[in-house]
């Protein structure tokens, strides 16, 4: 599941002209830590 989020983050982060405030960055980066922050330490 974290790999799925990683794939989407990589795709969003490598777009030209991307900003940190963009919806995809917020969804897959901030959302990963806010909603799913417990998964990485568990793994």
ModelCIF file with pLDDT and N, C-alpha, C, O atoms, coordinates in Angstrom:
data_MODEL
#
_entry.id   MODEL 
#
_entity.id                         1 
_entity.type                       polymer 
_entity.pdbx_number_of_molecules   1 
#
_entity_poly.entity_id                      1 
_entity_poly.type                           'polypeptide(L)' 
_entity_poly.nstd_linkage                   no 
_entity_poly.nstd_monomer                   no 
_entity_poly.pdbx_seq_one_letter_code       
;(UNK)(UNK)(UNK)(UNK)(UNK)(UNK)(UNK)(UNK)(UNK)(UNK)(UNK)(UNK)(UNK)(UNK)(UNK)(UNK)
(UNK)(UNK)(UNK)(UNK)(UNK)(UNK)(UNK)(UNK)(UNK)(UNK)(UNK)(UNK)(UNK)(UNK)(UNK)(UNK)
(UNK)(UNK)(UNK)(UNK)(UNK)(UNK)(UNK)(UNK)(UNK)(UNK)(UNK)
;
_entity_poly.pdbx_seq_one_letter_code_can   XXXXXXXXXXXXXXXXXXXXXXXXXXXXXXXXXXXXXXXXXXX 
_entity_poly.pdbx_strand_id                 A 
#
loop_
_entity_poly_seq.entity_id 
_entity_poly_seq.num 
_entity_poly_seq.mon_id 
_entity_poly_seq.hetero 
1 1  UNK n 
1 2  UNK n 
1 3  UNK n 
1 4  UNK n 
1 5  UNK n 
1 6  UNK n 
1 7  UNK n 
1 8  UNK n 
1 9  UNK n 
1 10 UNK n 
1 11 UNK n 
1 12 UNK n 
1 13 UNK n 
1 14 UNK n 
1 15 UNK n 
1 16 UNK n 
1 17 UNK n 
1 18 UNK n 
1 19 UNK n 
1 20 UNK n 
1 21 UNK n 
1 22 UNK n 
1 23 UNK n 
1 24 UNK n 
1 25 UNK n 
1 26 UNK n 
1 27 UNK n 
1 28 UNK n 
1 29 UNK n 
1 30 UNK n 
1 31 UNK n 
1 32 UNK n 
1 33 UNK n 
1 34 UNK n 
1 35 UNK n 
1 36 UNK n 
1 37 UNK n 
1 38 UNK n 
1 39 UNK n 
1 40 UNK n 
1 41 UNK n 
1 42 UNK n 
1 43 UNK n 
#
_struct_asym.id          A 
_struct_asym.entity_id   1 
#
loop_
_ma_qa_metric.id 
_ma_qa_metric.mode 
_ma_qa_metric.name 
_ma_qa_metric.software_group_id 
_ma_qa_metric.type 
1 global pLDDT . pLDDT 
2 local  pLDDT . pLDDT 
#
_ma_qa_metric_global.metric_id      1 
_ma_qa_metric_global.metric_value   89.81 
_ma_qa_metric_global.model_id       1 
_ma_qa_metric_global.ordinal_id     1 
#
loop_
_ma_qa_metric_local.label_asym_id 
_ma_qa_metric_local.label_comp_id 
_ma_qa_metric_local.label_seq_id 
_ma_qa_metric_local.metric_id 
_ma_qa_metric_local.metric_value 
_ma_qa_metric_local.model_id 
_ma_qa_metric_local.ordinal_id 
A UNK 1  2 96.00 1 1  
A UNK 2  2 94.00 1 2  
A UNK 3  2 95.00 1 3  
A UNK 4  2 95.00 1 4  
A UNK 5  2 93.00 1 5  
A UNK 6  2 92.00 1 6  
A UNK 7  2 94.00 1 7  
A UNK 8  2 93.00 1 8  
A UNK 9  2 91.00 1 9  
A UNK 10 2 91.00 1 10 
A UNK 11 2 91.00 1 11 
A UNK 12 2 90.00 1 12 
A UNK 13 2 87.00 1 13 
A UNK 14 2 85.00 1 14 
A UNK 15 2 84.00 1 15 
A UNK 16 2 82.00 1 16 
A UNK 17 2 83.00 1 17 
A UNK 18 2 86.00 1 18 
A UNK 19 2 88.00 1 19 
A UNK 20 2 89.00 1 20 
A UNK 21 2 88.00 1 21 
A UNK 22 2 90.00 1 22 
A UNK 23 2 89.00 1 23 
A UNK 24 2 89.00 1 24 
A UNK 25 2 89.00 1 25 
A UNK 26 2 88.00 1 26 
A UNK 27 2 90.00 1 27 
A UNK 28 2 91.00 1 28 
A UNK 29 2 90.00 1 29 
A UNK 30 2 89.00 1 30 
A UNK 31 2 87.00 1 31 
A UNK 32 2 89.00 1 32 
A UNK 33 2 88.00 1 33 
A UNK 34 2 88.00 1 34 
A UNK 35 2 91.00 1 35 
A UNK 36 2 91.00 1 36 
A UNK 37 2 87.00 1 37 
A UNK 38 2 90.00 1 38 
A UNK 39 2 92.00 1 39 
A UNK 40 2 91.00 1 40 
A UNK 41 2 90.00 1 41 
A UNK 42 2 92.00 1 42 
A UNK 43 2 94.00 1 43 
#
loop_
_atom_site.group_PDB 
_atom_site.id 
_atom_site.type_symbol 
_atom_site.label_atom_id 
_atom_site.label_alt_id 
_atom_site.label_comp_id 
_atom_site.label_asym_id 
_atom_site.label_entity_id 
_atom_site.label_seq_id 
_atom_site.pdbx_PDB_ins_code 
_atom_site.Cartn_x 
_atom_site.Cartn_y 
_atom_site.Cartn_z 
_atom_site.occupancy 
_atom_site.B_iso_or_equiv 
_atom_site.pdbx_formal_charge 
_atom_site.auth_seq_id 
_atom_site.auth_comp_id 
_atom_site.auth_asym_id 
_atom_site.auth_atom_id 
_atom_site.pdbx_PDB_model_num 
ATOM 1   N N  . UNK A 1 1  ? 0.838  -1.201 0.000   1.00 96.00 ? 1  UNK A N  1 
ATOM 2   C CA . UNK A 1 1  ? 0.000  0.000  0.000   1.00 96.00 ? 1  UNK A CA 1 
ATOM 3   C C  . UNK A 1 1  ? 0.877  1.258  0.000   1.00 96.00 ? 1  UNK A C  1 
ATOM 4   O O  . UNK A 1 1  ? 0.591  2.220  -0.712  1.00 96.00 ? 1  UNK A O  1 
ATOM 5   N N  . UNK A 1 2  ? 1.941  1.241  0.800   1.00 94.00 ? 2  UNK A N  1 
ATOM 6   C CA . UNK A 1 2  ? 2.873  2.376  0.803   1.00 94.00 ? 2  UNK A CA 1 
ATOM 7   C C  . UNK A 1 2  ? 3.556  2.529  -0.550  1.00 94.00 ? 2  UNK A C  1 
ATOM 8   O O  . UNK A 1 2  ? 3.839  3.648  -0.978  1.00 94.00 ? 2  UNK A O  1 
ATOM 9   N N  . UNK A 1 3  ? 3.823  1.413  -1.227  1.00 95.00 ? 3  UNK A N  1 
ATOM 10  C CA . UNK A 1 3  ? 4.402  1.482  -2.577  1.00 95.00 ? 3  UNK A CA 1 
ATOM 11  C C  . UNK A 1 3  ? 3.441  2.160  -3.551  1.00 95.00 ? 3  UNK A C  1 
ATOM 12  O O  . UNK A 1 3  ? 3.856  2.926  -4.420  1.00 95.00 ? 3  UNK A O  1 
ATOM 13  N N  . UNK A 1 4  ? 2.159  1.869  -3.393  1.00 95.00 ? 4  UNK A N  1 
ATOM 14  C CA . UNK A 1 4  ? 1.155  2.531  -4.225  1.00 95.00 ? 4  UNK A CA 1 
ATOM 15  C C  . UNK A 1 4  ? 1.199  4.041  -4.012  1.00 95.00 ? 4  UNK A C  1 
ATOM 16  O O  . UNK A 1 4  ? 1.164  4.810  -4.973  1.00 95.00 ? 4  UNK A O  1 
ATOM 17  N N  . UNK A 1 5  ? 1.276  4.463  -2.753  1.00 93.00 ? 5  UNK A N  1 
ATOM 18  C CA . UNK A 1 5  ? 1.387  5.889  -2.461  1.00 93.00 ? 5  UNK A CA 1 
ATOM 19  C C  . UNK A 1 5  ? 2.697  6.463  -3.000  1.00 93.00 ? 5  UNK A C  1 
ATOM 20  O O  . UNK A 1 5  ? 2.725  7.589  -3.497  1.00 93.00 ? 5  UNK A O  1 
ATOM 21  N N  . UNK A 1 6  ? 3.783  5.687  -2.902  1.00 92.00 ? 6  UNK A N  1 
ATOM 22  C CA . UNK A 1 6  ? 5.083  6.124  -3.438  1.00 92.00 ? 6  UNK A CA 1 
ATOM 23  C C  . UNK A 1 6  ? 5.013  6.350  -4.936  1.00 92.00 ? 6  UNK A C  1 
ATOM 24  O O  . UNK A 1 6  ? 5.500  7.363  -5.437  1.00 92.00 ? 6  UNK A O  1 
ATOM 25  N N  . UNK A 1 7  ? 4.411  5.415  -5.652  1.00 94.00 ? 7  UNK A N  1 
ATOM 26  C CA . UNK A 1 7  ? 4.302  5.534  -7.105  1.00 94.00 ? 7  UNK A CA 1 
ATOM 27  C C  . UNK A 1 7  ? 3.565  6.825  -7.471  1.00 94.00 ? 7  UNK A C  1 
ATOM 28  O O  . UNK A 1 7  ? 3.997  7.570  -8.351  1.00 94.00 ? 7  UNK A O  1 
ATOM 29  N N  . UNK A 1 8  ? 2.458  7.076  -6.792  1.00 93.00 ? 8  UNK A N  1 
ATOM 30  C CA . UNK A 1 8  ? 1.693  8.291  -7.076  1.00 93.00 ? 8  UNK A CA 1 
ATOM 31  C C  . UNK A 1 8  ? 2.463  9.549  -6.690  1.00 93.00 ? 8  UNK A C  1 
ATOM 32  O O  . UNK A 1 8  ? 2.366  10.565 -7.378  1.00 93.00 ? 8  UNK A O  1 
ATOM 33  N N  . UNK A 1 9  ? 3.222  9.498  -5.605  1.00 91.00 ? 9  UNK A N  1 
ATOM 34  C CA . UNK A 1 9  ? 4.035  10.647 -5.203  1.00 91.00 ? 9  UNK A CA 1 
ATOM 35  C C  . UNK A 1 9  ? 5.153  10.901 -6.206  1.00 91.00 ? 9  UNK A C  1 
ATOM 36  O O  . UNK A 1 9  ? 5.414  12.048 -6.568  1.00 91.00 ? 9  UNK A O  1 
ATOM 37  N N  . UNK A 1 10 ? 5.812  9.843  -6.654  1.00 91.00 ? 10 UNK A N  1 
ATOM 38  C CA . UNK A 1 10 ? 6.878  10.005 -7.654  1.00 91.00 ? 10 UNK A CA 1 
ATOM 39  C C  . UNK A 1 10 ? 6.309  10.637 -8.915  1.00 91.00 ? 10 UNK A C  1 
ATOM 40  O O  . UNK A 1 10 ? 6.900  11.562 -9.473  1.00 91.00 ? 10 UNK A O  1 
ATOM 41  N N  . UNK A 1 11 ? 5.177  10.144 -9.355  1.00 91.00 ? 11 UNK A N  1 
ATOM 42  C CA . UNK A 1 11 ? 4.544  10.687 -10.562 1.00 91.00 ? 11 UNK A CA 1 
ATOM 43  C C  . UNK A 1 11 ? 4.193  12.160 -10.372 1.00 91.00 ? 11 UNK A C  1 
ATOM 44  O O  . UNK A 1 11 ? 4.409  12.972 -11.271 1.00 91.00 ? 11 UNK A O  1 
ATOM 45  N N  . UNK A 1 12 ? 3.649  12.507 -9.198  1.00 90.00 ? 12 UNK A N  1 
ATOM 46  C CA . UNK A 1 12 ? 3.255  13.894 -8.939  1.00 90.00 ? 12 UNK A CA 1 
ATOM 47  C C  . UNK A 1 12 ? 4.469  14.796 -8.746  1.00 90.00 ? 12 UNK A C  1 
ATOM 48  O O  . UNK A 1 12 ? 4.462  15.939 -9.203  1.00 90.00 ? 12 UNK A O  1 
ATOM 49  N N  . UNK A 1 13 ? 5.510  14.305 -8.079  1.00 87.00 ? 13 UNK A N  1 
ATOM 50  C CA . UNK A 1 13 ? 6.672  15.135 -7.757  1.00 87.00 ? 13 UNK A CA 1 
ATOM 51  C C  . UNK A 1 13 ? 7.552  15.418 -8.963  1.00 87.00 ? 13 UNK A C  1 
ATOM 52  O O  . UNK A 1 13 ? 8.291  16.402 -8.964  1.00 87.00 ? 13 UNK A O  1 
ATOM 53  N N  . UNK A 1 14 ? 7.490  14.588 -9.978  1.00 85.00 ? 14 UNK A N  1 
ATOM 54  C CA . UNK A 1 14 ? 8.369  14.761 -11.123 1.00 85.00 ? 14 UNK A CA 1 
ATOM 55  C C  . UNK A 1 14 ? 7.739  15.576 -12.260 1.00 85.00 ? 14 UNK A C  1 
ATOM 56  O O  . UNK A 1 14 ? 8.339  15.735 -13.322 1.00 85.00 ? 14 UNK A O  1 
ATOM 57  N N  . UNK A 1 15 ? 6.546  16.080 -12.032 1.00 84.00 ? 15 UNK A N  1 
ATOM 58  C CA . UNK A 1 15 ? 5.927  16.933 -13.047 1.00 84.00 ? 15 UNK A CA 1 
ATOM 59  C C  . UNK A 1 15 ? 6.671  18.260 -13.109 1.00 84.00 ? 15 UNK A C  1 
ATOM 60  O O  . UNK A 1 15 ? 7.198  18.742 -12.106 1.00 84.00 ? 15 UNK A O  1 
ATOM 61  N N  . UNK A 1 16 ? 6.704  18.833 -14.285 1.00 82.00 ? 16 UNK A N  1 
ATOM 62  C CA . UNK A 1 16 ? 7.382  20.120 -14.447 1.00 82.00 ? 16 UNK A CA 1 
ATOM 63  C C  . UNK A 1 16 ? 6.550  21.220 -13.805 1.00 82.00 ? 16 UNK A C  1 
ATOM 64  O O  . UNK A 1 16 ? 5.335  21.282 -13.991 1.00 82.00 ? 16 UNK A O  1 
ATOM 65  N N  . UNK A 1 17 ? 7.206  22.076 -13.056 1.00 83.00 ? 17 UNK A N  1 
ATOM 66  C CA . UNK A 1 17 ? 6.526  23.192 -12.418 1.00 83.00 ? 17 UNK A CA 1 
ATOM 67  C C  . UNK A 1 17 ? 5.704  22.817 -11.199 1.00 83.00 ? 17 UNK A C  1 
ATOM 68  O O  . UNK A 1 17 ? 4.841  23.583 -10.772 1.00 83.00 ? 17 UNK A O  1 
ATOM 69  N N  . UNK A 1 18 ? 5.961  21.657 -10.641 1.00 86.00 ? 18 UNK A N  1 
ATOM 70  C CA . UNK A 1 18 ? 5.199  21.223 -9.469  1.00 86.00 ? 18 UNK A CA 1 
ATOM 71  C C  . UNK A 1 18 ? 5.563  22.090 -8.268  1.00 86.00 ? 18 UNK A C  1 
ATOM 72  O O  . UNK A 1 18 ? 6.712  22.500 -8.102  1.00 86.00 ? 18 UNK A O  1 
ATOM 73  N N  . UNK A 1 19 ? 4.573  22.357 -7.447  1.00 88.00 ? 19 UNK A N  1 
ATOM 74  C CA . UNK A 1 19 ? 4.780  23.118 -6.220  1.00 88.00 ? 19 UNK A CA 1 
ATOM 75  C C  . UNK A 1 19 ? 4.373  22.243 -5.048  1.00 88.00 ? 19 UNK A C  1 
ATOM 76  O O  . UNK A 1 19 ? 3.574  21.319 -5.204  1.00 88.00 ? 19 UNK A O  1 
ATOM 77  N N  . UNK A 1 20 ? 4.917  22.529 -3.882  1.00 89.00 ? 20 UNK A N  1 
ATOM 78  C CA . UNK A 1 20 ? 4.599  21.741 -2.697  1.00 89.00 ? 20 UNK A CA 1 
ATOM 79  C C  . UNK A 1 20 ? 3.120  21.852 -2.340  1.00 89.00 ? 20 UNK A C  1 
ATOM 80  O O  . UNK A 1 20 ? 2.547  20.915 -1.784  1.00 89.00 ? 20 UNK A O  1 
ATOM 81  N N  . UNK A 1 21 ? 2.506  22.971 -2.649  1.00 88.00 ? 21 UNK A N  1 
ATOM 82  C CA . UNK A 1 21 ? 1.102  23.173 -2.313  1.00 88.00 ? 21 UNK A CA 1 
ATOM 83  C C  . UNK A 1 21 ? 0.155  22.470 -3.281  1.00 88.00 ? 21 UNK A C  1 
ATOM 84  O O  . UNK A 1 21 ? -1.054 22.478 -3.050  1.00 88.00 ? 21 UNK A O  1 
ATOM 85  N N  . UNK A 1 22 ? 0.656  21.865 -4.350  1.00 90.00 ? 22 UNK A N  1 
ATOM 86  C CA . UNK A 1 22 ? -0.210 21.176 -5.306  1.00 90.00 ? 22 UNK A CA 1 
ATOM 87  C C  . UNK A 1 22 ? -0.981 20.054 -4.616  1.00 90.00 ? 22 UNK A C  1 
ATOM 88  O O  . UNK A 1 22 ? -0.503 19.433 -3.667  1.00 90.00 ? 22 UNK A O  1 
ATOM 89  N N  . UNK A 1 23 ? -2.179 19.816 -5.120  1.00 89.00 ? 23 UNK A N  1 
ATOM 90  C CA . UNK A 1 23 ? -3.083 18.835 -4.513  1.00 89.00 ? 23 UNK A CA 1 
ATOM 91  C C  . UNK A 1 23 ? -2.462 17.438 -4.431  1.00 89.00 ? 23 UNK A C  1 
ATOM 92  O O  . UNK A 1 23 ? -2.571 16.775 -3.400  1.00 89.00 ? 23 UNK A O  1 
ATOM 93  N N  . UNK A 1 24 ? -1.811 16.985 -5.509  1.00 89.00 ? 24 UNK A N  1 
ATOM 94  C CA . UNK A 1 24 ? -1.242 15.626 -5.513  1.00 89.00 ? 24 UNK A CA 1 
ATOM 95  C C  . UNK A 1 24 ? -0.122 15.473 -4.497  1.00 89.00 ? 24 UNK A C  1 
ATOM 96  O O  . UNK A 1 24 ? -0.024 14.444 -3.829  1.00 89.00 ? 24 UNK A O  1 
ATOM 97  N N  . UNK A 1 25 ? 0.730  16.497 -4.375  1.00 89.00 ? 25 UNK A N  1 
ATOM 98  C CA . UNK A 1 25 ? 1.815  16.436 -3.391  1.00 89.00 ? 25 UNK A CA 1 
ATOM 99  C C  . UNK A 1 25 ? 1.233  16.378 -1.984  1.00 89.00 ? 25 UNK A C  1 
ATOM 100 O O  . UNK A 1 25 ? 1.666  15.579 -1.153  1.00 89.00 ? 25 UNK A O  1 
ATOM 101 N N  . UNK A 1 26 ? 0.258  17.225 -1.730  1.00 88.00 ? 26 UNK A N  1 
ATOM 102 C CA . UNK A 1 26 ? -0.376 17.230 -0.414  1.00 88.00 ? 26 UNK A CA 1 
ATOM 103 C C  . UNK A 1 26 ? -1.057 15.894 -0.125  1.00 88.00 ? 26 UNK A C  1 
ATOM 104 O O  . UNK A 1 26 ? -0.990 15.380 0.992   1.00 88.00 ? 26 UNK A O  1 
ATOM 105 N N  . UNK A 1 27 ? -1.700 15.348 -1.127  1.00 90.00 ? 27 UNK A N  1 
ATOM 106 C CA . UNK A 1 27 ? -2.444 14.089 -0.936  1.00 90.00 ? 27 UNK A CA 1 
ATOM 107 C C  . UNK A 1 27 ? -1.503 12.923 -0.656  1.00 90.00 ? 27 UNK A C  1 
ATOM 108 O O  . UNK A 1 27 ? -1.745 12.137 0.259   1.00 90.00 ? 27 UNK A O  1 
ATOM 109 N N  . UNK A 1 28 ? -0.436 12.806 -1.433  1.00 91.00 ? 28 UNK A N  1 
ATOM 110 C CA . UNK A 1 28 ? 0.412  11.618 -1.325  1.00 91.00 ? 28 UNK A CA 1 
ATOM 111 C C  . UNK A 1 28 ? 1.593  11.787 -0.383  1.00 91.00 ? 28 UNK A C  1 
ATOM 112 O O  . UNK A 1 28 ? 2.134  10.787 0.088   1.00 91.00 ? 28 UNK A O  1 
ATOM 113 N N  . UNK A 1 29 ? 2.011  12.998 -0.093  1.00 90.00 ? 29 UNK A N  1 
ATOM 114 C CA . UNK A 1 29 ? 3.116  13.194 0.846   1.00 90.00 ? 29 UNK A CA 1 
ATOM 115 C C  . UNK A 1 29 ? 2.594  13.495 2.245   1.00 90.00 ? 29 UNK A C  1 
ATOM 116 O O  . UNK A 1 29 ? 2.850  12.739 3.182   1.00 90.00 ? 29 UNK A O  1 
ATOM 117 N N  . UNK A 1 30 ? 1.872  14.584 2.383   1.00 89.00 ? 30 UNK A N  1 
ATOM 118 C CA . UNK A 1 30 ? 1.333  14.943 3.696   1.00 89.00 ? 30 UNK A CA 1 
ATOM 119 C C  . UNK A 1 30 ? 0.312  13.898 4.141   1.00 89.00 ? 30 UNK A C  1 
ATOM 120 O O  . UNK A 1 30 ? 0.303  13.494 5.303   1.00 89.00 ? 30 UNK A O  1 
ATOM 121 N N  . UNK A 1 31 ? -0.535 13.467 3.230   1.00 87.00 ? 31 UNK A N  1 
ATOM 122 C CA . UNK A 1 31 ? -1.550 12.465 3.562   1.00 87.00 ? 31 UNK A CA 1 
ATOM 123 C C  . UNK A 1 31 ? -0.947 11.151 4.027   1.00 87.00 ? 31 UNK A C  1 
ATOM 124 O O  . UNK A 1 31 ? -1.516 10.466 4.878   1.00 87.00 ? 31 UNK A O  1 
ATOM 125 N N  . UNK A 1 32 ? 0.191  10.804 3.476   1.00 89.00 ? 32 UNK A N  1 
ATOM 126 C CA . UNK A 1 32 ? 0.877  9.565  3.885   1.00 89.00 ? 32 UNK A CA 1 
ATOM 127 C C  . UNK A 1 32 ? 1.259  9.618  5.362   1.00 89.00 ? 32 UNK A C  1 
ATOM 128 O O  . UNK A 1 32 ? 1.132  8.623  6.075   1.00 89.00 ? 32 UNK A O  1 
ATOM 129 N N  . UNK A 1 33 ? 1.720  10.765 5.815   1.00 88.00 ? 33 UNK A N  1 
ATOM 130 C CA . UNK A 1 33 ? 2.127  10.898 7.206   1.00 88.00 ? 33 UNK A CA 1 
ATOM 131 C C  . UNK A 1 33 ? 0.931  11.172 8.124   1.00 88.00 ? 33 UNK A C  1 
ATOM 132 O O  . UNK A 1 33 ? 0.912  10.717 9.268   1.00 88.00 ? 33 UNK A O  1 
ATOM 133 N N  . UNK A 1 34 ? -0.054 11.905 7.631   1.00 88.00 ? 34 UNK A N  1 
ATOM 134 C CA . UNK A 1 34 ? -1.197 12.251 8.473   1.00 88.00 ? 34 UNK A CA 1 
ATOM 135 C C  . UNK A 1 34 ? -2.127 11.054 8.667   1.00 88.00 ? 34 UNK A C  1 
ATOM 136 O O  . UNK A 1 34 ? -2.550 10.770 9.787   1.00 88.00 ? 34 UNK A O  1 
ATOM 137 N N  . UNK A 1 35 ? -2.443 10.356 7.583   1.00 91.00 ? 35 UNK A N  1 
ATOM 138 C CA . UNK A 1 35 ? -3.413 9.257  7.656   1.00 91.00 ? 35 UNK A CA 1 
ATOM 139 C C  . UNK A 1 35 ? -2.759 7.902  7.883   1.00 91.00 ? 35 UNK A C  1 
ATOM 140 O O  . UNK A 1 35 ? -3.286 7.060  8.610   1.00 91.00 ? 35 UNK A O  1 
ATOM 141 N N  . UNK A 1 36 ? -1.611 7.702  7.257   1.00 91.00 ? 36 UNK A N  1 
ATOM 142 C CA . UNK A 1 36 ? -0.999 6.371  7.269   1.00 91.00 ? 36 UNK A CA 1 
ATOM 143 C C  . UNK A 1 36 ? 0.370  6.373  7.923   1.00 91.00 ? 36 UNK A C  1 
ATOM 144 O O  . UNK A 1 36 ? 1.198  5.514  7.621   1.00 91.00 ? 36 UNK A O  1 
ATOM 145 N N  . UNK A 1 37 ? 0.618  7.314  8.804   1.00 87.00 ? 37 UNK A N  1 
ATOM 146 C CA . UNK A 1 37 ? 1.917  7.437  9.464   1.00 87.00 ? 37 UNK A CA 1 
ATOM 147 C C  . UNK A 1 37 ? 2.276  6.241  10.326  1.00 87.00 ? 37 UNK A C  1 
ATOM 148 O O  . UNK A 1 37 ? 3.451  6.038  10.630  1.00 87.00 ? 37 UNK A O  1 
ATOM 149 N N  . UNK A 1 38 ? 1.309  5.455  10.722  1.00 90.00 ? 38 UNK A N  1 
ATOM 150 C CA . UNK A 1 38 ? 1.570  4.285  11.560  1.00 90.00 ? 38 UNK A CA 1 
ATOM 151 C C  . UNK A 1 38 ? 2.069  3.088  10.758  1.00 90.00 ? 38 UNK A C  1 
ATOM 152 O O  . UNK A 1 38 ? 2.642  2.162  11.334  1.00 90.00 ? 38 UNK A O  1 
ATOM 153 N N  . UNK A 1 39 ? 1.866  3.086  9.445   1.00 92.00 ? 39 UNK A N  1 
ATOM 154 C CA . UNK A 1 39 ? 2.233  1.915  8.642   1.00 92.00 ? 39 UNK A CA 1 
ATOM 155 C C  . UNK A 1 39 ? 3.739  1.731  8.512   1.00 92.00 ? 39 UNK A C  1 
ATOM 156 O O  . UNK A 1 39 ? 4.246  0.624  8.693   1.00 92.00 ? 39 UNK A O  1 
ATOM 157 N N  . UNK A 1 40 ? 4.453  2.800  8.203   1.00 91.00 ? 40 UNK A N  1 
ATOM 158 C CA . UNK A 1 40 ? 5.906  2.688  8.000   1.00 91.00 ? 40 UNK A CA 1 
ATOM 159 C C  . UNK A 1 40 ? 6.624  2.194  9.255   1.00 91.00 ? 40 UNK A C  1 
ATOM 160 O O  . UNK A 1 40 ? 7.444  1.281  9.149   1.00 91.00 ? 40 UNK A O  1 
ATOM 161 N N  . UNK A 1 41 ? 6.356  2.753  10.439  1.00 90.00 ? 41 UNK A N  1 
ATOM 162 C CA . UNK A 1 41 ? 7.013  2.203  11.632  1.00 90.00 ? 41 UNK A CA 1 
ATOM 163 C C  . UNK A 1 41 ? 6.625  0.747  11.911  1.00 90.00 ? 41 UNK A C  1 
ATOM 164 O O  . UNK A 1 41 ? 7.441  -0.036 12.398  1.00 90.00 ? 41 UNK A O  1 
ATOM 165 N N  . UNK A 1 42 ? 5.389  0.396  11.604  1.00 92.00 ? 42 UNK A N  1 
ATOM 166 C CA . UNK A 1 42 ? 4.951  -0.986 11.811  1.00 92.00 ? 42 UNK A CA 1 
ATOM 167 C C  . UNK A 1 42 ? 5.746  -1.940 10.911  1.00 92.00 ? 42 UNK A C  1 
ATOM 168 O O  . UNK A 1 42 ? 6.202  -2.991 11.363  1.00 92.00 ? 42 UNK A O  1 
ATOM 169 N N  . UNK A 1 43 ? 5.906  -1.573 9.658   1.00 94.00 ? 43 UNK A N  1 
ATOM 170 C CA . UNK A 1 43 ? 6.673  -2.398 8.721   1.00 94.00 ? 43 UNK A CA 1 
ATOM 171 C C  . UNK A 1 43 ? 8.140  -2.443 9.145   1.00 94.00 ? 43 UNK A C  1 
ATOM 172 O O  . UNK A 1 43 ? 8.954  -3.087 8.484   1.00 94.00 ? 43 UNK A O  1 
#
